Amino acid sequence: MARVIAVANQKGGVGKTTTCVNLAASLAATRRRVLLVDLDPQGNATMGSGVDKYEVEYSAYDLLVEETPAKEVIVKDTNGKYDLIAANADVTAAEIKLMEFFAREVRLRNALAEVQDDYDFIFIDCPPSLNMLTVNAMGAADSVLVPMQCEYYALEGLTALIDTISKLAAVVNPDLAIEGILRTMYDPRNRLANDVSDQLKQHFGDKVYRTVIPRNVRLAEAPSFGAPAIYYDKSSAGAKAYLALAGEMLRRAERTEPQAEEV
């Protein structure tokens, strides 16, 4: 059964979509079966995967509101070699429509249940705000991956996000946990970045990924070509960093898997 990971931060511009697209592609390159769910009405993860958000037949709106089966909504084998549930402006209406439904917080969880056995990882790209779409992502997820820049305001945002995760765990999803904290757009020459990085490691320990994602022009350019960085420029520092992150995630997963009982 797939491990479902919501990629979230209430602060915008921290690399959530970049992380979703490139981590999904990196894990797919290791022959893992990956599904990326785009819940952001901007549809950036959809476009960055090489799928035209204006041309898709179905989107996350159809999954959440119209109850179209997930297997019909999924776009197979994108430019990143993973599967996709697309998003576009229609998803904005989904947030409003969801308020009309009973058990609205778990509609995504219920919708994904039929395909969880088809994948090893399901990533959910959340919008940069706490709304019903984000609540659905948290309700469906096993854990939350938090990308963040190493700057002062990001620390305040992280505190608010952790508080939000705790509250949602208490009400919607008691098994929800923090998957890890990912330092993005990292510049080791910046003293503040190093200071914030040290504070993160002191407070969160092993929850902070050892892999850091550097500021990288190729990561910024790749979405305009509709491809993850490993297919746009595999030799770039950004592509190598996300491949390293995929490896670190897989090693962590192996360490936490329960050992089979001896017969």
C-alpha atoms as a PDB file:
ATOM      1  CA  MET A   1       0.000   0.000   0.000  1.00  0.00           C
ATOM      2  CA  ALA A   2       1.238   3.485  -0.869  1.00  0.00           C
ATOM      3  CA  ARG A   3       2.706   5.829   1.673  1.00  0.00           C
ATOM      4  CA  VAL A   4       0.718   9.066   1.321  1.00  0.00           C
ATOM      5  CA  ILE A   5       2.732  12.238   1.924  1.00  0.00           C
ATOM      6  CA  ALA A   6       1.309  15.759   1.908  1.00  0.00           C
ATOM      7  CA  VAL A   7       3.834  18.418   0.933  1.00  0.00           C
ATOM      8  CA  ALA A   8       2.746  21.532   2.783  1.00  0.00           C
ATOM      9  CA  ASN A   9       3.763  24.889   4.150  1.00  0.00           C
ATOM     10  CA  GLN A  10       1.414  27.780   4.853  1.00  0.00           C
ATOM     11  CA  LYS A  11       4.081  30.144   3.523  1.00  0.00           C
ATOM     12  CA  GLY A  12       4.229  30.450  -0.263  1.00  0.00           C
ATOM     13  CA  GLY A  13       7.352  30.357  -2.413  1.00  0.00           C
ATOM     14  CA  VAL A  14       9.261  27.796  -0.369  1.00  0.00           C
ATOM     15  CA  GLY A  15       9.535  25.110  -3.042  1.00  0.00           C
ATOM     16  CA  LYS A  16       6.504  22.880  -2.361  1.00  0.00           C
ATOM     17  CA  THR A  17       5.647  22.285  -6.005  1.00  0.00           C
ATOM     18  CA  THR A  18       9.292  22.008  -7.036  1.00  0.00           C
ATOM     19  CA  THR A  19       9.738  19.384  -4.344  1.00  0.00           C
ATOM     20  CA  CYS A  20       6.619  17.447  -5.346  1.00  0.00           C
ATOM     21  CA  VAL A  21       7.524  17.290  -9.022  1.00  0.00           C
ATOM     22  CA  ASN A  22      11.222  16.531  -8.617  1.00  0.00           C
ATOM     23  CA  LEU A  23      10.887  14.092  -5.725  1.00  0.00           C
ATOM     24  CA  ALA A  24       8.121  12.214  -7.541  1.00  0.00           C
ATOM     25  CA  ALA A  25      10.298  11.993 -10.668  1.00  0.00           C
ATOM     26  CA  SER A  26      13.366  10.939  -8.684  1.00  0.00           C
ATOM     27  CA  LEU A  27      11.494   8.125  -6.942  1.00  0.00           C
ATOM     28  CA  ALA A  28       9.912   7.065 -10.236  1.00  0.00           C
ATOM     29  CA  ALA A  29      13.445   6.850 -11.671  1.00  0.00           C
ATOM     30  CA  THR A  30      14.199   4.234  -8.995  1.00  0.00           C
ATOM     31  CA  ARG A  31      11.282   2.180 -10.359  1.00  0.00           C
ATOM     32  CA  ARG A  32       8.905   3.114  -7.545  1.00  0.00           C
ATOM     33  CA  ARG A  33       5.284   3.557  -8.547  1.00  0.00           C
ATOM     34  CA  VAL A  34       4.398   7.180  -7.835  1.00  0.00           C
ATOM     35  CA  LEU A  35       1.213   9.242  -8.017  1.00  0.00           C
ATOM     36  CA  LEU A  36       1.268  13.039  -7.666  1.00  0.00           C
ATOM     37  CA  VAL A  37      -1.979  14.728  -6.635  1.00  0.00           C
ATOM     38  CA  ASP A  38      -2.094  18.430  -7.496  1.00  0.00           C
ATOM     39  CA  LEU A  39      -4.470  20.212  -5.086  1.00  0.00           C
ATOM     40  CA  ASP A  40      -3.296  23.748  -5.856  1.00  0.00           C
ATOM     41  CA  PRO A  41      -5.733  25.609  -8.161  1.00  0.00           C
ATOM     42  CA  GLN A  42      -2.748  27.275  -9.829  1.00  0.00           C
ATOM     43  CA  GLY A  43      -1.945  23.894 -11.367  1.00  0.00           C
ATOM     44  CA  ASN A  44       1.810  24.447 -11.316  1.00  0.00           C
ATOM     45  CA  ALA A  45       2.602  20.824 -10.510  1.00  0.00           C
ATOM     46  CA  THR A  46       0.378  19.802 -13.419  1.00  0.00           C
ATOM     47  CA  MET A  47       2.164  22.078 -15.896  1.00  0.00           C
ATOM     48  CA  GLY A  48       5.557  21.165 -14.453  1.00  0.00           C
ATOM     49  CA  SER A  49       4.742  17.526 -15.177  1.00  0.00           C
ATOM     50  CA  GLY A  50       4.209  18.309 -18.857  1.00  0.00           C
ATOM     51  CA  VAL A  51       0.398  18.184 -18.687  1.00  0.00           C
ATOM     52  CA  ASP A  52      -1.634  21.124 -20.015  1.00  0.00           C
ATOM     53  CA  LYS A  53      -3.998  22.102 -17.190  1.00  0.00           C
ATOM     54  CA  TYR A  54      -6.342  23.736 -19.722  1.00  0.00           C
ATOM     55  CA  GLU A  55      -6.764  20.532 -21.722  1.00  0.00           C
ATOM     56  CA  VAL A  56      -7.245  17.855 -19.039  1.00  0.00           C
ATOM     57  CA  GLU A  57     -10.562  15.993 -19.130  1.00  0.00           C
ATOM     58  CA  TYR A  58     -10.695  15.534 -15.370  1.00  0.00           C
ATOM     59  CA  SER A  59      -9.104  17.338 -12.443  1.00  0.00           C
ATOM     60  CA  ALA A  60      -9.016  17.096  -8.665  1.00  0.00           C
ATOM     61  CA  TYR A  61     -12.388  18.884  -8.753  1.00  0.00           C
ATOM     62  CA  ASP A  62     -14.004  15.860 -10.390  1.00  0.00           C
ATOM     63  CA  LEU A  63     -12.371  13.559  -7.844  1.00  0.00           C
ATOM     64  CA  LEU A  64     -13.495  15.549  -4.802  1.00  0.00           C
ATOM     65  CA  VAL A  65     -16.851  16.977  -5.863  1.00  0.00           C
ATOM     66  CA  GLU A  66     -18.243  14.850  -8.678  1.00  0.00           C
ATOM     67  CA  GLU A  67     -16.909  11.619  -7.130  1.00  0.00           C
ATOM     68  CA  THR A  68     -15.381  10.540 -10.436  1.00  0.00           C
ATOM     69  CA  PRO A  69     -13.364   7.368  -9.687  1.00  0.00           C
ATOM     70  CA  ALA A  70      -9.653   8.021  -9.183  1.00  0.00           C
ATOM     71  CA  LYS A  71      -8.697   5.553 -11.920  1.00  0.00           C
ATOM     72  CA  GLU A  72     -10.584   7.698 -14.448  1.00  0.00           C
ATOM     73  CA  VAL A  73      -9.094  10.971 -13.217  1.00  0.00           C
ATOM     74  CA  ILE A  74      -5.462   9.848 -13.224  1.00  0.00           C
ATOM     75  CA  VAL A  75      -3.205  10.955 -16.097  1.00  0.00           C
ATOM     76  CA  LYS A  76      -0.780   8.118 -16.800  1.00  0.00           C
ATOM     77  CA  ASP A  77       2.966   8.375 -17.352  1.00  0.00           C
ATOM     78  CA  THR A  78       3.706  12.107 -17.384  1.00  0.00           C
ATOM     79  CA  ASN A  79       7.015  13.645 -18.453  1.00  0.00           C
ATOM     80  CA  GLY A  80       8.288  12.732 -15.000  1.00  0.00           C
ATOM     81  CA  LYS A  81       7.379   9.050 -15.488  1.00  0.00           C
ATOM     82  CA  TYR A  82       4.860   9.191 -12.640  1.00  0.00           C
ATOM     83  CA  ASP A  83       1.056   9.371 -12.688  1.00  0.00           C
ATOM     84  CA  LEU A  84      -0.858  12.568 -11.957  1.00  0.00           C
ATOM     85  CA  ILE A  85      -4.181  13.865 -10.740  1.00  0.00           C
ATOM     86  CA  ALA A  86      -4.262  17.299 -12.338  1.00  0.00           C
ATOM     87  CA  ALA A  87      -5.426  20.673 -11.020  1.00  0.00           C
ATOM     88  CA  ASN A  88      -6.648  23.843 -12.669  1.00  0.00           C
ATOM     89  CA  ALA A  89      -8.871  26.792 -11.812  1.00  0.00           C
ATOM     90  CA  ASP A  90     -11.827  24.435 -11.311  1.00  0.00           C
ATOM     91  CA  VAL A  91     -10.233  23.293  -8.059  1.00  0.00           C
ATOM     92  CA  THR A  92     -10.978  26.714  -6.570  1.00  0.00           C
ATOM     93  CA  ALA A  93     -14.682  25.875  -6.827  1.00  0.00           C
ATOM     94  CA  ALA A  94     -14.038  22.543  -5.122  1.00  0.00           C
ATOM     95  CA  GLU A  95     -13.091  24.325  -1.917  1.00  0.00           C
ATOM     96  CA  ILE A  96     -16.507  26.016  -1.844  1.00  0.00           C
ATOM     97  CA  LYS A  97     -18.451  22.950  -2.929  1.00  0.00           C
ATOM     98  CA  LEU A  98     -16.811  20.773  -0.286  1.00  0.00           C
ATOM     99  CA  MET A  99     -18.494  22.803   2.436  1.00  0.00           C
ATOM    100  CA  GLU A 100     -21.824  21.319   1.347  1.00  0.00           C
ATOM    101  CA  PHE A 101     -20.814  17.709   2.008  1.00  0.00           C
ATOM    102  CA  PHE A 102     -20.924  15.505   5.065  1.00  0.00           C
ATOM    103  CA  ALA A 103     -17.494  14.184   6.127  1.00  0.00           C
ATOM    104  CA  ARG A 104     -15.950  16.730   3.765  1.00  0.00           C
ATOM    105  CA  GLU A 105     -12.550  16.484   5.488  1.00  0.00           C
ATOM    106  CA  VAL A 106     -11.974  12.899   4.337  1.00  0.00           C
ATOM    107  CA  ARG A 107     -13.271  12.952   0.769  1.00  0.00           C
ATOM    108  CA  LEU A 108      -9.749  12.804  -0.668  1.00  0.00           C
ATOM    109  CA  ARG A 109      -8.819   9.934   1.654  1.00  0.00           C
ATOM    110  CA  ASN A 110     -11.874   7.978   0.517  1.00  0.00           C
ATOM    111  CA  ALA A 111     -11.249   8.793  -3.151  1.00  0.00           C
ATOM    112  CA  LEU A 112      -7.632   7.608  -3.054  1.00  0.00           C
ATOM    113  CA  ALA A 113      -8.429   4.392  -1.206  1.00  0.00           C
ATOM    114  CA  GLU A 114      -9.201   2.525  -4.441  1.00  0.00           C
ATOM    115  CA  VAL A 115      -5.747   3.203  -5.926  1.00  0.00           C
ATOM    116  CA  GLN A 116      -3.464   3.043  -2.884  1.00  0.00           C
ATOM    117  CA  ASP A 117      -2.429  -0.520  -3.643  1.00  0.00           C
ATOM    118  CA  ASP A 118      -1.341   0.562  -7.141  1.00  0.00           C
ATOM    119  CA  TYR A 119       1.464   2.818  -5.874  1.00  0.00           C
ATOM    120  CA  ASP A 120       4.440   2.930  -3.539  1.00  0.00           C
ATOM    121  CA  PHE A 121       4.207   6.681  -2.916  1.00  0.00           C
ATOM    122  CA  ILE A 122       1.426   9.234  -3.286  1.00  0.00           C
ATOM    123  CA  PHE A 123       2.453  12.895  -2.962  1.00  0.00           C
ATOM    124  CA  ILE A 124      -0.096  15.665  -2.471  1.00  0.00           C
ATOM    125  CA  ASP A 125       0.878  19.198  -3.492  1.00  0.00           C
ATOM    126  CA  CYS A 126      -1.040  21.491  -1.112  1.00  0.00           C
ATOM    127  CA  PRO A 127      -2.021  25.114  -1.711  1.00  0.00           C
ATOM    128  CA  PRO A 128      -0.097  27.703   0.376  1.00  0.00           C
ATOM    129  CA  SER A 129      -2.949  28.283   2.813  1.00  0.00           C
ATOM    130  CA  LEU A 130      -4.989  26.422   5.375  1.00  0.00           C
ATOM    131  CA  ASN A 131      -8.259  25.749   3.566  1.00  0.00           C
ATOM    132  CA  MET A 132     -10.528  22.777   2.969  1.00  0.00           C
ATOM    133  CA  LEU A 133      -8.202  21.461   0.254  1.00  0.00           C
ATOM    134  CA  THR A 134      -5.267  21.414   2.671  1.00  0.00           C
ATOM    135  CA  VAL A 135      -7.451  19.832   5.352  1.00  0.00           C
ATOM    136  CA  ASN A 136      -8.363  17.088   2.859  1.00  0.00           C
ATOM    137  CA  ALA A 137      -4.693  16.536   2.077  1.00  0.00           C
ATOM    138  CA  MET A 138      -3.878  16.214   5.781  1.00  0.00           C
ATOM    139  CA  GLY A 139      -6.846  13.921   6.250  1.00  0.00           C
ATOM    140  CA  ALA A 140      -5.595  11.605   3.509  1.00  0.00           C
ATOM    141  CA  ALA A 141      -1.895  11.659   4.396  1.00  0.00           C
ATOM    142  CA  ASP A 142       0.204   9.411   6.577  1.00  0.00           C
ATOM    143  CA  SER A 143       2.648  12.256   7.073  1.00  0.00           C
ATOM    144  CA  VAL A 144       3.589  15.798   6.087  1.00  0.00           C
ATOM    145  CA  LEU A 145       6.806  16.816   4.351  1.00  0.00           C
ATOM    146  CA  VAL A 146       7.624  20.475   5.068  1.00  0.00           C
ATOM    147  CA  PRO A 147       9.868  22.353   2.601  1.00  0.00           C
ATOM    148  CA  MET A 148      11.201  25.602   4.050  1.00  0.00           C
ATOM    149  CA  GLN A 149      13.798  28.253   3.417  1.00  0.00           C
ATOM    150  CA  CYS A 150      16.337  28.903   6.131  1.00  0.00           C
ATOM    151  CA  GLU A 151      15.247  32.402   7.078  1.00  0.00           C
ATOM    152  CA  TYR A 152      13.760  34.002  10.174  1.00  0.00           C
ATOM    153  CA  TYR A 153      10.137  34.260   9.031  1.00  0.00           C
ATOM    154  CA  ALA A 154      10.205  30.642   7.897  1.00  0.00           C
ATOM    155  CA  LEU A 155      10.812  29.559  11.488  1.00  0.00           C
ATOM    156  CA  GLU A 156       7.672  31.373  12.608  1.00  0.00           C
ATOM    157  CA  GLY A 157       5.712  29.780   9.779  1.00  0.00           C
ATOM    158  CA  LEU A 158       7.008  26.340  10.728  1.00  0.00           C
ATOM    159  CA  THR A 159       5.795  26.797  14.290  1.00  0.00           C
ATOM    160  CA  ALA A 160       2.324  27.718  13.001  1.00  0.00           C
ATOM    161  CA  LEU A 161       2.281  24.745  10.627  1.00  0.00           C
ATOM    162  CA  ILE A 162       3.237  22.269  13.344  1.00  0.00           C
ATOM    163  CA  ASP A 163       0.454  23.659  15.508  1.00  0.00           C
ATOM    164  CA  THR A 164      -1.964  23.182  12.603  1.00  0.00           C
ATOM    165  CA  ILE A 165      -0.804  19.598  12.050  1.00  0.00           C
ATOM    166  CA  SER A 166      -1.319  18.834  15.756  1.00  0.00           C
ATOM    167  CA  LYS A 167      -4.853  20.223  15.692  1.00  0.00           C
ATOM    168  CA  LEU A 168      -5.780  18.331  12.531  1.00  0.00           C
ATOM    169  CA  ALA A 169      -4.319  15.132  13.953  1.00  0.00           C
ATOM    170  CA  ALA A 170      -6.555  15.526  16.983  1.00  0.00           C
ATOM    171  CA  VAL A 171      -9.712  16.052  14.933  1.00  0.00           C
ATOM    172  CA  VAL A 172      -9.316  14.549  11.450  1.00  0.00           C
ATOM    173  CA  ASN A 173      -6.398  12.121  11.265  1.00  0.00           C
ATOM    174  CA  PRO A 174      -4.901  10.801  14.520  1.00  0.00           C
ATOM    175  CA  ASP A 175      -2.078   8.997  12.675  1.00  0.00           C
ATOM    176  CA  LEU A 176      -0.769  12.155  10.983  1.00  0.00           C
ATOM    177  CA  ALA A 177       2.921  12.821  11.640  1.00  0.00           C
ATOM    178  CA  ILE A 178       5.754  14.943  10.298  1.00  0.00           C
ATOM    179  CA  GLU A 179       7.604  13.057   7.574  1.00  0.00           C
ATOM    180  CA  GLY A 180      10.525  15.451   7.526  1.00  0.00           C
ATOM    181  CA  ILE A 181      11.698  19.031   7.168  1.00  0.00           C
ATOM    182  CA  LEU A 182      13.471  19.879   3.924  1.00  0.00           C
ATOM    183  CA  ARG A 183      15.776  22.884   3.635  1.00  0.00           C
ATOM    184  CA  THR A 184      15.228  24.455   0.197  1.00  0.00           C
ATOM    185  CA  MET A 185      16.872  27.266  -1.806  1.00  0.00           C
ATOM    186  CA  TYR A 186      19.830  26.824   0.497  1.00  0.00           C
ATOM    187  CA  ASP A 187      22.936  28.998   0.183  1.00  0.00           C
ATOM    188  CA  PRO A 188      25.730  27.840   2.528  1.00  0.00           C
ATOM    189  CA  ARG A 189      27.492  31.205   2.117  1.00  0.00           C
ATOM    190  CA  ASN A 190      24.609  32.917   3.895  1.00  0.00           C
ATOM    191  CA  ARG A 191      25.268  33.186   7.631  1.00  0.00           C
ATOM    192  CA  LEU A 192      21.567  33.473   8.512  1.00  0.00           C
ATOM    193  CA  ALA A 193      20.791  30.341   6.506  1.00  0.00           C
ATOM    194  CA  ASN A 194      23.425  28.434   8.453  1.00  0.00           C
ATOM    195  CA  ASP A 195      22.149  29.767  11.791  1.00  0.00           C
ATOM    196  CA  VAL A 196      18.543  28.803  10.998  1.00  0.00           C
ATOM    197  CA  SER A 197      19.695  25.403   9.736  1.00  0.00           C
ATOM    198  CA  ASP A 198      21.493  24.790  13.040  1.00  0.00           C
ATOM    199  CA  GLN A 199      18.368  25.777  14.992  1.00  0.00           C
ATOM    200  CA  LEU A 200      16.257  23.374  12.947  1.00  0.00           C
ATOM    201  CA  LYS A 201      18.625  20.494  13.661  1.00  0.00           C
ATOM    202  CA  GLN A 202      18.700  21.341  17.379  1.00  0.00           C
ATOM    203  CA  HIS A 203      14.911  21.434  17.693  1.00  0.00           C
ATOM    204  CA  PHE A 204      13.866  18.699  15.262  1.00  0.00           C
ATOM    205  CA  GLY A 205      16.861  16.364  15.134  1.00  0.00           C
ATOM    206  CA  ASP A 206      16.438  13.488  12.713  1.00  0.00           C
ATOM    207  CA  LYS A 207      13.258  15.010  11.285  1.00  0.00           C
ATOM    208  CA  VAL A 208      15.492  17.403   9.331  1.00  0.00           C
ATOM    209  CA  TYR A 209      16.668  15.741   6.128  1.00  0.00           C
ATOM    210  CA  ARG A 210      20.421  15.609   5.722  1.00  0.00           C
ATOM    211  CA  THR A 211      19.911  16.447   2.050  1.00  0.00           C
ATOM    212  CA  VAL A 212      19.587  20.161   1.311  1.00  0.00           C
ATOM    213  CA  ILE A 213      18.217  21.637  -1.914  1.00  0.00           C
ATOM    214  CA  PRO A 214      20.427  24.450  -3.221  1.00  0.00           C
ATOM    215  CA  ARG A 215      19.407  27.547  -5.102  1.00  0.00           C
ATOM    216  CA  ASN A 216      19.663  26.363  -8.677  1.00  0.00           C
ATOM    217  CA  VAL A 217      18.806  27.984 -12.003  1.00  0.00           C
ATOM    218  CA  ARG A 218      17.972  24.637 -13.640  1.00  0.00           C
ATOM    219  CA  LEU A 219      15.325  23.891 -11.017  1.00  0.00           C
ATOM    220  CA  ALA A 220      13.709  27.224 -11.811  1.00  0.00           C
ATOM    221  CA  GLU A 221      13.924  26.714 -15.596  1.00  0.00           C
ATOM    222  CA  ALA A 222      12.647  23.121 -15.766  1.00  0.00           C
ATOM    223  CA  PRO A 223       8.901  23.863 -15.214  1.00  0.00           C
ATOM    224  CA  SER A 224       8.759  26.092 -18.287  1.00  0.00           C
ATOM    225  CA  PHE A 225       9.824  23.031 -20.311  1.00  0.00           C
ATOM    226  CA  GLY A 226       7.201  20.826 -18.629  1.00  0.00           C
ATOM    227  CA  ALA A 227       9.762  18.465 -17.160  1.00  0.00           C
ATOM    228  CA  PRO A 228      11.367  17.678 -13.795  1.00  0.00           C
ATOM    229  CA  ALA A 229      15.001  18.693 -13.426  1.00  0.00           C
ATOM    230  CA  ILE A 230      16.335  15.145 -13.799  1.00  0.00           C
ATOM    231  CA  TYR A 231      14.965  15.099 -17.356  1.00  0.00           C
ATOM    232  CA  TYR A 232      15.731  18.727 -18.129  1.00  0.00           C
ATOM    233  CA  ASP A 233      19.326  18.653 -16.872  1.00  0.00           C
ATOM    234  CA  LYS A 234      20.279  15.552 -14.888  1.00  0.00           C
ATOM    235  CA  SER A 235      23.760  16.905 -14.211  1.00  0.00           C
ATOM    236  CA  SER A 236      22.497  20.041 -12.458  1.00  0.00           C
ATOM    237  CA  ALA A 237      22.971  20.522  -8.725  1.00  0.00           C
ATOM    238  CA  GLY A 238      19.209  20.685  -8.213  1.00  0.00           C
ATOM    239  CA  ALA A 239      18.536  17.385  -9.976  1.00  0.00           C
ATOM    240  CA  LYS A 240      21.309  15.654  -8.027  1.00  0.00           C
ATOM    241  CA  ALA A 241      19.933  17.025  -4.759  1.00  0.00           C
ATOM    242  CA  TYR A 242      16.452  15.618  -5.364  1.00  0.00           C
ATOM    243  CA  LEU A 243      17.892  12.257  -6.395  1.00  0.00           C
ATOM    244  CA  ALA A 244      19.832  12.289  -3.131  1.00  0.00           C
ATOM    245  CA  LEU A 245      16.660  13.173  -1.229  1.00  0.00           C
ATOM    246  CA  ALA A 246      14.822  10.255  -2.836  1.00  0.00           C
ATOM    247  CA  GLY A 247      17.622   7.949  -1.715  1.00  0.00           C
ATOM    248  CA  GLU A 248      17.484   9.334   1.820  1.00  0.00           C
ATOM    249  CA  MET A 249      13.702   8.828   1.969  1.00  0.00           C
ATOM    250  CA  LEU A 250      14.022   5.237   0.824  1.00  0.00           C
ATOM    251  CA  ARG A 251      16.718   4.502   3.408  1.00  0.00           C
ATOM    252  CA  ARG A 252      14.554   6.027   6.146  1.00  0.00           C
ATOM    253  CA  ALA A 253      11.596   3.932   5.029  1.00  0.00           C
ATOM    254  CA  GLU A 254      13.674   0.759   5.156  1.00  0.00           C
ATOM    255  CA  ARG A 255      14.784   1.538   8.711  1.00  0.00           C
ATOM    256  CA  THR A 256      11.240   2.128   9.925  1.00  0.00           C
ATOM    257  CA  GLU A 257       9.605  -0.874   8.256  1.00  0.00           C
ATOM    258  CA  PRO A 258       8.649  -3.549  10.786  1.00  0.00           C
ATOM    259  CA  GLN A 259      10.712  -6.689  10.590  1.00  0.00           C
ATOM    260  CA  ALA A 260       8.910  -9.877   9.613  1.00  0.00           C
ATOM    261  CA  GLU A 261       8.343 -12.224  12.495  1.00  0.00           C
ATOM    262  CA  GLU A 262      10.331 -15.431  12.454  1.00  0.00           C
ATOM    263  CA  VAL A 263       8.272 -18.571  12.090  1.00  0.00           C
END
